Amino acid sequence: MSTKVTVRVARSTSGHSSEAASSSRQPARARTRRAIGPMMPVALATMVRLLNHKSGFVQHQAAADLLDRGGFRPPERHQHAVVGKVEVDIRLTDD
Protein backbone atom coordinates (compact mmCIF):
# COMPACT_ATOMS: atom_id res chain seq x y z
CA MET A 1 0.00 0.00 0.00
CA SER A 2 1.45 3.38 -0.93
CA THR A 3 0.90 6.53 1.06
CA LYS A 4 1.13 9.99 -0.41
CA VAL A 5 3.53 12.06 1.66
CA THR A 6 3.67 15.82 1.34
CA VAL A 7 6.79 17.91 1.79
CA ARG A 8 5.30 19.33 4.98
CA VAL A 9 4.72 15.85 6.46
CA ALA A 10 8.21 14.70 5.47
CA ARG A 11 9.83 17.76 7.02
CA SER A 12 7.85 17.46 10.22
CA THR A 13 8.57 13.71 10.47
CA SER A 14 12.28 14.39 10.06
CA GLY A 15 12.21 16.95 12.87
CA HIS A 16 11.95 20.18 10.87
CA SER A 17 9.35 22.77 11.78
CA SER A 18 6.28 23.35 9.62
CA GLU A 19 7.48 26.93 9.08
CA ALA A 20 10.60 25.55 7.39
CA ALA A 21 8.42 23.84 4.79
CA SER A 22 6.57 27.00 3.83
CA SER A 23 9.64 29.24 4.03
CA SER A 24 11.62 27.00 1.66
CA ARG A 25 8.88 27.32 -0.95
CA GLN A 26 9.03 31.11 -1.10
CA PRO A 27 12.50 31.40 -2.70
CA ALA A 28 11.59 28.64 -5.16
CA ARG A 29 8.40 30.46 -6.16
CA ALA A 30 10.30 33.72 -6.59
CA ARG A 31 12.88 32.01 -8.84
CA THR A 32 10.10 30.40 -10.85
CA ARG A 33 8.29 33.72 -11.31
CA ARG A 34 11.52 35.40 -12.45
CA ALA A 35 12.19 32.60 -14.94
CA ILE A 36 8.65 32.43 -16.32
CA GLY A 37 7.82 36.13 -16.18
CA PRO A 38 9.41 37.12 -19.51
CA MET A 39 7.53 34.29 -21.26
CA MET A 40 4.07 35.37 -20.06
CA PRO A 41 3.24 37.72 -22.98
CA VAL A 42 4.15 35.01 -25.50
CA ALA A 43 2.11 32.41 -23.60
CA LEU A 44 -0.90 34.73 -23.45
CA ALA A 45 -0.62 35.52 -27.17
CA THR A 46 -0.53 31.78 -27.89
CA MET A 47 -3.71 31.18 -25.89
CA VAL A 48 -5.48 34.07 -27.63
CA ARG A 49 -4.36 32.74 -31.04
CA LEU A 50 -5.75 29.30 -30.12
CA LEU A 51 -9.19 30.86 -29.67
CA ASN A 52 -9.34 30.94 -33.50
CA HIS A 53 -7.96 27.43 -34.09
CA LYS A 54 -9.81 25.30 -36.66
CA SER A 55 -10.59 22.68 -34.00
CA GLY A 56 -13.56 23.49 -31.81
CA PHE A 57 -12.04 21.39 -29.04
CA VAL A 58 -8.86 23.48 -29.06
CA GLN A 59 -10.93 26.70 -29.06
CA HIS A 60 -12.94 25.43 -26.10
CA GLN A 61 -9.87 24.44 -24.10
CA ALA A 62 -8.16 27.78 -24.78
CA ALA A 63 -11.28 29.72 -23.79
CA ALA A 64 -11.75 27.67 -20.62
CA ASP A 65 -8.10 28.11 -19.65
CA LEU A 66 -8.20 31.87 -20.19
CA LEU A 67 -11.42 32.19 -18.19
CA ASP A 68 -10.05 30.01 -15.37
CA ARG A 69 -6.88 32.05 -15.10
CA GLY A 70 -8.87 35.27 -15.31
CA GLY A 71 -10.80 34.34 -12.17
CA PHE A 72 -13.93 32.93 -13.79
CA ARG A 73 -13.34 29.33 -12.77
CA PRO A 74 -16.56 27.35 -12.23
CA PRO A 75 -17.19 26.14 -8.69
CA GLU A 76 -15.51 22.86 -7.84
CA ARG A 77 -17.69 19.79 -7.68
CA HIS A 78 -17.82 18.02 -4.36
CA GLN A 79 -18.45 14.34 -4.01
CA HIS A 80 -19.81 13.19 -0.68
CA ALA A 81 -19.42 9.60 0.45
CA VAL A 82 -21.89 8.03 2.81
CA VAL A 83 -20.51 5.48 5.24
CA GLY A 84 -22.92 2.93 6.59
CA LYS A 85 -26.37 1.73 5.63
CA VAL A 86 -28.65 3.95 3.54
CA GLU A 87 -32.37 3.25 3.31
CA VAL A 88 -34.65 4.75 0.69
CA ASP A 89 -38.41 4.49 1.03
CA ILE A 90 -40.31 5.40 -2.15
CA ARG A 91 -44.08 5.32 -1.85
CA LEU A 92 -45.89 5.11 -5.15
CA THR A 93 -49.41 5.05 -3.69
CA ASP A 94 -51.29 7.27 -1.27
CA ASP A 95 -51.58 4.46 1.34
PDB file of N, CA and C in Angstrom:
ATOM      1  N   MET A   1       0.850  -1.174   0.000  1.00  0.00           N
ATOM      2  CA  MET A   1       0.000   0.000   0.000  1.00  0.00           C
ATOM      3  C   MET A   1       0.894   1.235   0.000  1.00  0.00           C
ATOM      4  N   SER A   2       0.631   2.165  -0.902  1.00  0.00           N
ATOM      5  CA  SER A   2       1.447   3.378  -0.931  1.00  0.00           C
ATOM      6  C   SER A   2       0.705   4.507  -0.234  1.00  0.00           C
ATOM      7  N   THR A   3       1.461   5.384   0.366  1.00  0.00           N
ATOM      8  CA  THR A   3       0.899   6.530   1.060  1.00  0.00           C
ATOM      9  C   THR A   3       1.496   7.785   0.468  1.00  0.00           C
ATOM     10  N   LYS A   4       0.640   8.736   0.135  1.00  0.00           N
ATOM     11  CA  LYS A   4       1.125   9.995  -0.409  1.00  0.00           C
ATOM     12  C   LYS A   4       1.664  10.835   0.743  1.00  0.00           C
ATOM     13  N   VAL A   5       2.900  11.261   0.619  1.00  0.00           N
ATOM     14  CA  VAL A   5       3.534  12.058   1.663  1.00  0.00           C
ATOM     15  C   VAL A   5       3.845  13.428   1.092  1.00  0.00           C
ATOM     16  N   THR A   6       3.392  14.459   1.775  1.00  0.00           N
ATOM     17  CA  THR A   6       3.672  15.816   1.338  1.00  0.00           C
ATOM     18  C   THR A   6       5.012  16.269   1.886  1.00  0.00           C
ATOM     19  N   VAL A   7       5.526  17.350   1.312  1.00  0.00           N
ATOM     20  CA  VAL A   7       6.791  17.909   1.793  1.00  0.00           C
ATOM     21  C   VAL A   7       6.654  18.306   3.253  1.00  0.00           C
ATOM     22  N   ARG A   8       5.523  18.887   3.601  1.00  0.00           N
ATOM     23  CA  ARG A   8       5.301  19.329   4.982  1.00  0.00           C
ATOM     24  C   ARG A   8       5.362  18.147   5.949  1.00  0.00           C
ATOM     25  N   VAL A   9       4.711  17.035   5.591  1.00  0.00           N
ATOM     26  CA  VAL A   9       4.720  15.853   6.458  1.00  0.00           C
ATOM     27  C   VAL A   9       6.136  15.294   6.563  1.00  0.00           C
ATOM     28  N   ALA A  10       6.846  15.225   5.449  1.00  0.00           N
ATOM     29  CA  ALA A  10       8.208  14.695   5.467  1.00  0.00           C
ATOM     30  C   ALA A  10       9.119  15.559   6.330  1.00  0.00           C
ATOM     31  N   ARG A  11       8.985  16.869   6.219  1.00  0.00           N
ATOM     32  CA  ARG A  11       9.826  17.762   7.025  1.00  0.00           C
ATOM     33  C   ARG A  11       9.502  17.615   8.507  1.00  0.00           C
ATOM     34  N   SER A  12       8.217  17.558   8.808  1.00  0.00           N
ATOM     35  CA  SER A  12       7.850  17.465  10.219  1.00  0.00           C
ATOM     36  C   SER A  12       8.264  16.113  10.800  1.00  0.00           C
ATOM     37  N   THR A  13       8.152  15.038  10.018  1.00  0.00           N
ATOM     38  CA  THR A  13       8.568  13.714  10.470  1.00  0.00           C
ATOM     39  C   THR A  13      10.069  13.668  10.716  1.00  0.00           C
ATOM     40  N   SER A  14      10.822  14.405   9.905  1.00  0.00           N
ATOM     41  CA  SER A  14      12.280  14.391  10.062  1.00  0.00           C
ATOM     42  C   SER A  14      12.765  15.379  11.109  1.00  0.00           C
ATOM     43  N   GLY A  15      11.822  16.060  11.783  1.00  0.00           N
ATOM     44  CA  GLY A  15      12.211  16.950  12.869  1.00  0.00           C
ATOM     45  C   GLY A  15      12.282  18.417  12.503  1.00  0.00           C
ATOM     46  N   HIS A  16      11.956  18.775  11.265  1.00  0.00           N
ATOM     47  CA  HIS A  16      11.955  20.178  10.865  1.00  0.00           C
ATOM     48  C   HIS A  16      10.609  20.805  11.218  1.00  0.00           C
ATOM     49  N   SER A  17      10.602  22.094  11.429  1.00  0.00           N
ATOM     50  CA  SER A  17       9.354  22.772  11.776  1.00  0.00           C
ATOM     51  C   SER A  17       8.488  22.944  10.532  1.00  0.00           C
ATOM     52  N   SER A  18       7.183  23.138  10.745  1.00  0.00           N
ATOM     53  CA  SER A  18       6.278  23.355   9.615  1.00  0.00           C
ATOM     54  C   SER A  18       6.569  24.686   8.935  1.00  0.00           C
ATOM     55  N   GLU A  19       7.118  25.644   9.682  1.00  0.00           N
ATOM     56  CA  GLU A  19       7.479  26.932   9.085  1.00  0.00           C
ATOM     57  C   GLU A  19       8.601  26.751   8.069  1.00  0.00           C
ATOM     58  N   ALA A  20       9.490  25.798   8.321  1.00  0.00           N
ATOM     59  CA  ALA A  20      10.596  25.546   7.392  1.00  0.00           C
ATOM     60  C   ALA A  20      10.072  25.092   6.040  1.00  0.00           C
ATOM     61  N   ALA A  21       8.985  24.324   6.049  1.00  0.00           N
ATOM     62  CA  ALA A  21       8.421  23.842   4.788  1.00  0.00           C
ATOM     63  C   ALA A  21       7.879  24.991   3.961  1.00  0.00           C
ATOM     64  N   SER A  22       7.141  25.899   4.593  1.00  0.00           N
ATOM     65  CA  SER A  22       6.574  27.004   3.826  1.00  0.00           C
ATOM     66  C   SER A  22       7.632  28.036   3.467  1.00  0.00           C
ATOM     67  N   SER A  23       8.623  28.237   4.328  1.00  0.00           N
ATOM     68  CA  SER A  23       9.640  29.238   4.028  1.00  0.00           C
ATOM     69  C   SER A  23      10.569  28.782   2.911  1.00  0.00           C
ATOM     70  N   SER A  24      10.756  27.480   2.741  1.00  0.00           N
ATOM     71  CA  SER A  24      11.619  27.002   1.662  1.00  0.00           C
ATOM     72  C   SER A  24      10.938  27.121   0.309  1.00  0.00           C
ATOM     73  N   ARG A  25       9.608  27.186   0.301  1.00  0.00           N
ATOM     74  CA  ARG A  25       8.878  27.324  -0.954  1.00  0.00           C
ATOM     75  C   ARG A  25       8.949  28.734  -1.511  1.00  0.00           C
ATOM     76  N   GLN A  26       9.056  29.728  -0.639  1.00  0.00           N
ATOM     77  CA  GLN A  26       9.027  31.114  -1.098  1.00  0.00           C
ATOM     78  C   GLN A  26      10.168  31.446  -2.047  1.00  0.00           C
ATOM     79  N   PRO A  27      11.425  31.109  -1.740  1.00  0.00           N
ATOM     80  CA  PRO A  27      12.495  31.399  -2.703  1.00  0.00           C
ATOM     81  C   PRO A  27      12.309  30.645  -4.022  1.00  0.00           C
ATOM     82  N   ALA A  28      11.810  29.423  -3.947  1.00  0.00           N
ATOM     83  CA  ALA A  28      11.586  28.639  -5.165  1.00  0.00           C
ATOM     84  C   ALA A  28      10.517  29.296  -6.026  1.00  0.00           C
ATOM     85  N   ARG A  29       9.454  29.778  -5.407  1.00  0.00           N
ATOM     86  CA  ARG A  29       8.398  30.462  -6.159  1.00  0.00           C
ATOM     87  C   ARG A  29       8.922  31.745  -6.790  1.00  0.00           C
ATOM     88  N   ALA A  30       9.738  32.472  -6.053  1.00  0.00           N
ATOM     89  CA  ALA A  30      10.304  33.717  -6.587  1.00  0.00           C
ATOM     90  C   ALA A  30      11.196  33.420  -7.793  1.00  0.00           C
ATOM     91  N   ARG A  31      12.020  32.378  -7.703  1.00  0.00           N
ATOM     92  CA  ARG A  31      12.879  32.006  -8.838  1.00  0.00           C
ATOM     93  C   ARG A  31      12.033  31.587 -10.036  1.00  0.00           C
ATOM     94  N   THR A  32      10.975  30.848  -9.769  1.00  0.00           N
ATOM     95  CA  THR A  32      10.101  30.399 -10.847  1.00  0.00           C
ATOM     96  C   THR A  32       9.435  31.587 -11.521  1.00  0.00           C
ATOM     97  N   ARG A  33       8.930  32.532 -10.728  1.00  0.00           N
ATOM     98  CA  ARG A  33       8.293  33.723 -11.307  1.00  0.00           C
ATOM     99  C   ARG A  33       9.276  34.526 -12.152  1.00  0.00           C
ATOM    100  N   ARG A  34      10.513  34.661 -11.679  1.00  0.00           N
ATOM    101  CA  ARG A  34      11.522  35.402 -12.451  1.00  0.00           C
ATOM    102  C   ARG A  34      11.834  34.690 -13.764  1.00  0.00           C
ATOM    103  N   ALA A  35      11.870  33.366 -13.733  1.00  0.00           N
ATOM    104  CA  ALA A  35      12.191  32.604 -14.940  1.00  0.00           C
ATOM    105  C   ALA A  35      11.039  32.612 -15.945  1.00  0.00           C
ATOM    106  N   ILE A  36       9.820  32.518 -15.447  1.00  0.00           N
ATOM    107  CA  ILE A  36       8.653  32.426 -16.321  1.00  0.00           C
ATOM    108  C   ILE A  36       8.138  33.800 -16.747  1.00  0.00           C
ATOM    109  N   GLY A  37       8.348  34.796 -15.922  1.00  0.00           N
ATOM    110  CA  GLY A  37       7.816  36.135 -16.178  1.00  0.00           C
ATOM    111  C   GLY A  37       8.003  36.647 -17.592  1.00  0.00           C
ATOM    112  N   PRO A  38       9.214  36.604 -18.146  1.00  0.00           N
ATOM    113  CA  PRO A  38       9.412  37.120 -19.507  1.00  0.00           C
ATOM    114  C   PRO A  38       8.645  36.343 -20.581  1.00  0.00           C
ATOM    115  N   MET A  39       8.247  35.110 -20.280  1.00  0.00           N
ATOM    116  CA  MET A  39       7.528  34.288 -21.259  1.00  0.00           C
ATOM    117  C   MET A  39       6.019  34.510 -21.227  1.00  0.00           C
ATOM    118  N   MET A  40       5.519  35.210 -20.231  1.00  0.00           N
ATOM    119  CA  MET A  40       4.074  35.373 -20.064  1.00  0.00           C
ATOM    120  C   MET A  40       3.397  36.032 -21.263  1.00  0.00           C
ATOM    121  N   PRO A  41       3.918  37.124 -21.821  1.00  0.00           N
ATOM    122  CA  PRO A  41       3.242  37.722 -22.978  1.00  0.00           C
ATOM    123  C   PRO A  41       3.142  36.762 -24.168  1.00  0.00           C
ATOM    124  N   VAL A  42       4.173  35.975 -24.395  1.00  0.00           N
ATOM    125  CA  VAL A  42       4.153  35.009 -25.497  1.00  0.00           C
ATOM    126  C   VAL A  42       3.122  33.917 -25.216  1.00  0.00           C
ATOM    127  N   ALA A  43       3.075  33.445 -23.975  1.00  0.00           N
ATOM    128  CA  ALA A  43       2.111  32.408 -23.601  1.00  0.00           C
ATOM    129  C   ALA A  43       0.684  32.923 -23.749  1.00  0.00           C
ATOM    130  N   LEU A  44       0.437  34.147 -23.322  1.00  0.00           N
ATOM    131  CA  LEU A  44      -0.899  34.730 -23.450  1.00  0.00           C
ATOM    132  C   LEU A  44      -1.274  34.889 -24.916  1.00  0.00           C
ATOM    133  N   ALA A  45      -0.345  35.364 -25.734  1.00  0.00           N
ATOM    134  CA  ALA A  45      -0.616  35.520 -27.166  1.00  0.00           C
ATOM    135  C   ALA A  45      -0.937  34.170 -27.809  1.00  0.00           C
ATOM    136  N   THR A  46      -0.261  33.123 -27.368  1.00  0.00           N
ATOM    137  CA  THR A  46      -0.529  31.780 -27.890  1.00  0.00           C
ATOM    138  C   THR A  46      -1.946  31.349 -27.543  1.00  0.00           C
ATOM    139  N   MET A  47      -2.359  31.566 -26.302  1.00  0.00           N
ATOM    140  CA  MET A  47      -3.714  31.182 -25.891  1.00  0.00           C
ATOM    141  C   MET A  47      -4.761  31.962 -26.679  1.00  0.00           C
ATOM    142  N   VAL A  48      -4.529  33.251 -26.874  1.00  0.00           N
ATOM    143  CA  VAL A  48      -5.478  34.074 -27.634  1.00  0.00           C
ATOM    144  C   VAL A  48      -5.537  33.582 -29.080  1.00  0.00           C
ATOM    145  N   ARG A  49      -4.388  33.256 -29.665  1.00  0.00           N
ATOM    146  CA  ARG A  49      -4.356  32.742 -31.036  1.00  0.00           C
ATOM    147  C   ARG A  49      -5.131  31.423 -31.133  1.00  0.00           C
ATOM    148  N   LEU A  50      -5.047  30.583 -30.106  1.00  0.00           N
ATOM    149  CA  LEU A  50      -5.746  29.297 -30.122  1.00  0.00           C
ATOM    150  C   LEU A  50      -7.265  29.453 -30.065  1.00  0.00           C
ATOM    151  N   LEU A  51      -7.742  30.620 -29.668  1.00  0.00           N
ATOM    152  CA  LEU A  51      -9.191  30.857 -29.673  1.00  0.00           C
ATOM    153  C   LEU A  51      -9.758  30.795 -31.090  1.00  0.00           C
ATOM    154  N   ASN A  52      -8.914  30.984 -32.097  1.00  0.00           N
ATOM    155  CA  ASN A  52      -9.343  30.944 -33.499  1.00  0.00           C
ATOM    156  C   ASN A  52      -8.860  29.690 -34.228  1.00  0.00           C
ATOM    157  N   HIS A  53      -8.441  28.683 -33.491  1.00  0.00           N
ATOM    158  CA  HIS A  53      -7.958  27.428 -34.086  1.00  0.00           C
ATOM    159  C   HIS A  53      -9.097  26.757 -34.840  1.00  0.00           C
ATOM    160  N   LYS A  54      -8.766  25.955 -35.864  1.00  0.00           N
ATOM    161  CA  LYS A  54      -9.810  25.296 -36.658  1.00  0.00           C
ATOM    162  C   LYS A  54     -10.566  24.233 -35.861  1.00  0.00           C
ATOM    163  N   SER A  55      -9.939  23.694 -34.822  1.00  0.00           N
ATOM    164  CA  SER A  55     -10.589  22.677 -33.995  1.00  0.00           C
ATOM    165  C   SER A  55     -11.428  23.336 -32.903  1.00  0.00           C
ATOM    166  N   GLY A  56     -12.686  22.981 -32.861  1.00  0.00           N
ATOM    167  CA  GLY A  56     -13.563  23.495 -31.814  1.00  0.00           C
ATOM    168  C   GLY A  56     -13.105  23.077 -30.429  1.00  0.00           C
ATOM    169  N   PHE A  57     -12.541  21.872 -30.333  1.00  0.00           N
ATOM    170  CA  PHE A  57     -12.044  21.393 -29.044  1.00  0.00           C
ATOM    171  C   PHE A  57     -10.914  22.284 -28.545  1.00  0.00           C
ATOM    172  N   VAL A  58      -9.983  22.629 -29.439  1.00  0.00           N
ATOM    173  CA  VAL A  58      -8.858  23.481 -29.056  1.00  0.00           C
ATOM    174  C   VAL A  58      -9.372  24.862 -28.656  1.00  0.00           C
ATOM    175  N   GLN A  59     -10.335  25.395 -29.401  1.00  0.00           N
ATOM    176  CA  GLN A  59     -10.925  26.695 -29.057  1.00  0.00           C
ATOM    177  C   GLN A  59     -11.541  26.650 -27.663  1.00  0.00           C
ATOM    178  N   HIS A  60     -12.278  25.578 -27.398  1.00  0.00           N
ATOM    179  CA  HIS A  60     -12.944  25.431 -26.101  1.00  0.00           C
ATOM    180  C   HIS A  60     -11.928  25.371 -24.965  1.00  0.00           C
ATOM    181  N   GLN A  61     -10.883  24.568 -25.139  1.00  0.00           N
ATOM    182  CA  GLN A  61      -9.870  24.436 -24.096  1.00  0.00           C
ATOM    183  C   GLN A  61      -9.153  25.761 -23.848  1.00  0.00           C
ATOM    184  N   ALA A  62      -8.839  26.487 -24.925  1.00  0.00           N
ATOM    185  CA  ALA A  62      -8.162  27.780 -24.777  1.00  0.00           C
ATOM    186  C   ALA A  62      -9.065  28.771 -24.055  1.00  0.00           C
ATOM    187  N   ALA A  63     -10.341  28.803 -24.434  1.00  0.00           N
ATOM    188  CA  ALA A  63     -11.279  29.723 -23.787  1.00  0.00           C
ATOM    189  C   ALA A  63     -11.441  29.378 -22.312  1.00  0.00           C
ATOM    190  N   ALA A  64     -11.590  28.092 -22.011  1.00  0.00           N
ATOM    191  CA  ALA A  64     -11.752  27.667 -20.616  1.00  0.00           C
ATOM    192  C   ALA A  64     -10.516  28.021 -19.799  1.00  0.00           C
ATOM    193  N   ASP A  65      -9.338  27.805 -20.370  1.00  0.00           N
ATOM    194  CA  ASP A  65      -8.099  28.106 -19.650  1.00  0.00           C
ATOM    195  C   ASP A  65      -7.972  29.601 -19.389  1.00  0.00           C
ATOM    196  N   LEU A  66      -8.272  30.418 -20.381  1.00  0.00           N
ATOM    197  CA  LEU A  66      -8.195  31.871 -20.189  1.00  0.00           C
ATOM    198  C   LEU A  66      -9.197  32.339 -19.137  1.00  0.00           C
ATOM    199  N   LEU A  67     -10.415  31.810 -19.187  1.00  0.00           N
ATOM    200  CA  LEU A  67     -11.420  32.193 -18.192  1.00  0.00           C
ATOM    201  C   LEU A  67     -11.009  31.740 -16.793  1.00  0.00           C
ATOM    202  N   ASP A  68     -10.503  30.509 -16.678  1.00  0.00           N
ATOM    203  CA  ASP A  68     -10.052  30.005 -15.374  1.00  0.00           C
ATOM    204  C   ASP A  68      -8.983  30.908 -14.784  1.00  0.00           C
ATOM    205  N   ARG A  69      -7.995  31.241 -15.593  1.00  0.00           N
ATOM    206  CA  ARG A  69      -6.881  32.051 -15.105  1.00  0.00           C
ATOM    207  C   ARG A  69      -7.282  33.500 -14.873  1.00  0.00           C
ATOM    208  N   GLY A  70      -8.370  33.910 -15.510  1.00  0.00           N
ATOM    209  CA  GLY A  70      -8.870  35.268 -15.312  1.00  0.00           C
ATOM    210  C   GLY A  70      -9.785  35.389 -14.097  1.00  0.00           C
ATOM    211  N   GLY A  71      -9.985  34.299 -13.382  1.00  0.00           N
ATOM    212  CA  GLY A  71     -10.799  34.344 -12.168  1.00  0.00           C
ATOM    213  C   GLY A  71     -12.239  33.911 -12.365  1.00  0.00           C
ATOM    214  N   PHE A  72     -12.554  33.355 -13.525  1.00  0.00           N
ATOM    215  CA  PHE A  72     -13.927  32.930 -13.794  1.00  0.00           C
ATOM    216  C   PHE A  72     -14.053  31.417 -13.785  1.00  0.00           C
ATOM    217  N   ARG A  73     -13.321  30.787 -12.899  1.00  0.00           N
ATOM    218  CA  ARG A  73     -13.341  29.332 -12.771  1.00  0.00           C
ATOM    219  C   ARG A  73     -14.692  28.896 -12.206  1.00  0.00           C
ATOM    220  N   PRO A  74     -15.289  27.839 -12.789  1.00  0.00           N
ATOM    221  CA  PRO A  74     -16.555  27.350 -12.229  1.00  0.00           C
ATOM    222  C   PRO A  74     -16.324  26.751 -10.847  1.00  0.00           C
ATOM    223  N   PRO A  75     -17.357  26.721 -10.023  1.00  0.00           N
ATOM    224  CA  PRO A  75     -17.186  26.140  -8.687  1.00  0.00           C
ATOM    225  C   PRO A  75     -16.774  24.672  -8.794  1.00  0.00           C
ATOM    226  N   GLU A  76     -15.961  24.246  -7.841  1.00  0.00           N
ATOM    227  CA  GLU A  76     -15.512  22.857  -7.838  1.00  0.00           C
ATOM    228  C   GLU A  76     -16.657  21.944  -7.435  1.00  0.00           C
ATOM    229  N   ARG A  77     -16.675  20.777  -8.040  1.00  0.00           N
ATOM    230  CA  ARG A  77     -17.690  19.788  -7.682  1.00  0.00           C
ATOM    231  C   ARG A  77     -17.218  19.043  -6.445  1.00  0.00           C
ATOM    232  N   HIS A  78     -18.148  18.769  -5.569  1.00  0.00           N
ATOM    233  CA  HIS A  78     -17.821  18.020  -4.357  1.00  0.00           C
ATOM    234  C   HIS A  78     -18.551  16.690  -4.405  1.00  0.00           C
ATOM    235  N   GLN A  79     -17.847  15.654  -4.069  1.00  0.00           N
ATOM    236  CA  GLN A  79     -18.454  14.338  -4.014  1.00  0.00           C
ATOM    237  C   GLN A  79     -18.478  13.907  -2.553  1.00  0.00           C
ATOM    238  N   HIS A  80     -19.654  13.578  -2.078  1.00  0.00           N
ATOM    239  CA  HIS A  80     -19.806  13.188  -0.682  1.00  0.00           C
ATOM    240  C   HIS A  80     -20.024  11.680  -0.598  1.00  0.00           C
ATOM    241  N   ALA A  81     -19.281  11.041   0.253  1.00  0.00           N
ATOM    242  CA  ALA A  81     -19.417   9.604   0.451  1.00  0.00           C
ATOM    243  C   ALA A  81     -20.204   9.353   1.725  1.00  0.00           C
ATOM    244  N   VAL A  82     -21.092   8.400   1.648  1.00  0.00           N
ATOM    245  CA  VAL A  82     -21.890   8.030   2.811  1.00  0.00           C
ATOM    246  C   VAL A  82     -21.348   6.708   3.335  1.00  0.00           C
ATOM    247  N   VAL A  83     -21.020   6.692   4.622  1.00  0.00           N
ATOM    248  CA  VAL A  83     -20.510   5.479   5.240  1.00  0.00           C
ATOM    249  C   VAL A  83     -21.644   4.868   6.046  1.00  0.00           C
ATOM    250  N   GLY A  84     -21.870   3.600   5.841  1.00  0.00           N
ATOM    251  CA  GLY A  84     -22.921   2.926   6.590  1.00  0.00           C
ATOM    252  C   GLY A  84     -24.101   2.574   5.699  1.00  0.00           C
ATOM    253  N   LYS A  85     -25.184   2.192   6.337  1.00  0.00           N
ATOM    254  CA  LYS A  85     -26.366   1.735   5.626  1.00  0.00           C
ATOM    255  C   LYS A  85     -27.249   2.920   5.243  1.00  0.00           C
ATOM    256  N   VAL A  86     -27.740   2.906   4.012  1.00  0.00           N
ATOM    257  CA  VAL A  86     -28.648   3.950   3.535  1.00  0.00           C
ATOM    258  C   VAL A  86     -29.952   3.274   3.141  1.00  0.00           C
ATOM    259  N   GLU A  87     -31.061   3.782   3.668  1.00  0.00           N
ATOM    260  CA  GLU A  87     -32.368   3.246   3.314  1.00  0.00           C
ATOM    261  C   GLU A  87     -33.147   4.296   2.557  1.00  0.00           C
ATOM    262  N   VAL A  88     -33.813   3.859   1.488  1.00  0.00           N
ATOM    263  CA  VAL A  88     -34.647   4.752   0.694  1.00  0.00           C
ATOM    264  C   VAL A  88     -36.039   4.147   0.663  1.00  0.00           C
ATOM    265  N   ASP A  89     -37.029   4.947   1.020  1.00  0.00           N
ATOM    266  CA  ASP A  89     -38.413   4.488   1.028  1.00  0.00           C
ATOM    267  C   ASP A  89     -39.178   5.323   0.010  1.00  0.00           C
ATOM    268  N   ILE A  90     -39.564   4.695  -1.097  1.00  0.00           N
ATOM    269  CA  ILE A  90     -40.306   5.397  -2.146  1.00  0.00           C
ATOM    270  C   ILE A  90     -41.725   4.855  -2.144  1.00  0.00           C
ATOM    271  N   ARG A  91     -42.669   5.724  -1.874  1.00  0.00           N
ATOM    272  CA  ARG A  91     -44.077   5.321  -1.845  1.00  0.00           C
ATOM    273  C   ARG A  91     -44.744   5.775  -3.133  1.00  0.00           C
ATOM    274  N   LEU A  92     -45.264   4.810  -3.869  1.00  0.00           N
ATOM    275  CA  LEU A  92     -45.885   5.112  -5.149  1.00  0.00           C
ATOM    276  C   LEU A  92     -47.399   5.213  -5.052  1.00  0.00           C
ATOM    277  N   THR A  93     -47.965   4.934  -3.886  1.00  0.00           N
ATOM    278  CA  THR A  93     -49.410   5.053  -3.687  1.00  0.00           C
ATOM    279  C   THR A  93     -49.669   5.985  -2.526  1.00  0.00           C
ATOM    280  N   ASP A  94     -50.920   6.366  -2.350  1.00  0.00           N
ATOM    281  CA  ASP A  94     -51.293   7.273  -1.268  1.00  0.00           C
ATOM    282  C   ASP A  94     -51.546   6.538   0.040  1.00  0.00           C
ATOM    283  N   ASP A  95     -51.301   5.254   0.129  1.00  0.00           N
ATOM    284  CA  ASP A  95     -51.582   4.462   1.338  1.00  0.00           C
ATOM    285  C   ASP A  95     -50.859   5.000   2.524  1.00  0.00           C
TER     286      ASP A  95
END
